[in-house]
Amino acid sequence: MKSATVLNVPDISCEHCVNAITSEVTSVDGVDSVAVDLEAKTVTVVGGDHDSIVAAIDEAGYDVAANSTGGS
């Protein structure tokens, strides 16, 4: 089973943010699922490469907080 990567994205503030991040991250090779929690301001991703996921979130226009945790 693939581990989940949980990333803190403090600038998530609305449904547009959720859609933009989901769209970018789902296009990353190996990503099986993406869940954006608007209230917790987190993005949980199953599958994919951590650096590629962070780059996709950056491409969507959002910064990942330094205290985010990752799987493999």
Protein backbone atom coordinates (compact mmCIF):
# COMPACT_ATOMS: atom_id res chain seq x y z
CA MET A 1 0.00 0.00 0.00
CA LYS A 2 1.28 3.46 -0.87
CA SER A 3 1.77 5.91 1.95
CA ALA A 4 0.03 9.26 2.14
CA THR A 5 1.82 12.58 2.02
CA VAL A 6 0.20 15.34 4.09
CA LEU A 7 1.23 18.86 3.17
CA ASN A 8 0.31 22.06 5.00
CA VAL A 9 -0.73 24.75 2.54
CA PRO A 10 -1.64 27.81 4.63
CA ASP A 11 -2.94 29.91 1.71
CA ILE A 12 -5.89 27.61 0.94
CA SER A 13 -8.95 29.79 1.49
CA CYS A 14 -11.75 28.82 -0.90
CA GLU A 15 -13.16 26.24 -3.28
CA HIS A 16 -11.16 27.76 -6.15
CA CYS A 17 -7.97 26.93 -4.22
CA VAL A 18 -9.18 23.36 -3.71
CA ASN A 19 -9.96 22.95 -7.42
CA ALA A 20 -6.67 24.50 -8.60
CA ILE A 21 -4.55 22.33 -6.32
CA THR A 22 -6.53 19.17 -7.07
CA SER A 23 -6.23 19.75 -10.80
CA GLU A 24 -2.45 20.26 -10.70
CA VAL A 25 -1.65 17.45 -8.28
CA THR A 26 -3.81 14.83 -10.01
CA SER A 27 -1.70 15.33 -13.14
CA VAL A 28 1.48 14.21 -11.32
CA ASP A 29 2.68 10.76 -12.39
CA GLY A 30 1.89 8.08 -9.82
CA VAL A 31 -0.67 10.06 -7.83
CA ASP A 32 -3.63 7.85 -6.90
CA SER A 33 -5.72 10.33 -4.92
CA VAL A 34 -5.77 13.93 -3.73
CA ALA A 35 -7.81 15.29 -0.84
CA VAL A 36 -7.73 19.00 -0.01
CA ASP A 37 -9.06 19.95 3.43
CA LEU A 38 -10.15 23.57 3.26
CA GLU A 39 -10.57 24.02 7.02
CA ALA A 40 -7.33 22.29 8.03
CA LYS A 41 -5.47 23.85 5.08
CA THR A 42 -3.87 20.52 4.18
CA VAL A 43 -3.42 18.49 1.03
CA THR A 44 -3.27 14.71 1.44
CA VAL A 45 -1.85 12.81 -1.53
CA VAL A 46 -1.54 9.05 -2.02
CA GLY A 47 1.17 8.05 -4.46
CA GLY A 48 3.49 10.23 -6.48
CA ASP A 49 6.86 11.73 -5.70
CA HIS A 50 7.04 14.28 -2.85
CA ASP A 51 9.07 16.83 -4.82
CA SER A 52 6.76 16.54 -7.84
CA ILE A 53 3.71 17.03 -5.63
CA VAL A 54 5.22 20.14 -4.02
CA ALA A 55 6.12 21.46 -7.48
CA ALA A 56 2.53 20.90 -8.67
CA ILE A 57 1.13 22.80 -5.69
CA ASP A 58 3.61 25.58 -6.43
CA GLU A 59 2.49 25.56 -10.08
CA ALA A 60 -1.09 26.04 -8.85
CA GLY A 61 0.13 29.18 -7.08
CA TYR A 62 0.42 27.98 -3.48
CA ASP A 63 3.32 27.49 -1.09
CA VAL A 64 3.79 24.37 1.01
CA ALA A 65 4.70 25.06 4.65
CA ALA A 66 8.08 23.81 5.85
CA ASN A 67 6.51 21.68 8.59
CA SER A 68 4.72 19.37 6.15
CA THR A 69 5.16 15.61 6.49
CA GLY A 70 5.71 13.21 3.69
CA GLY A 71 5.46 9.55 2.92
CA SER A 72 7.51 7.68 0.38
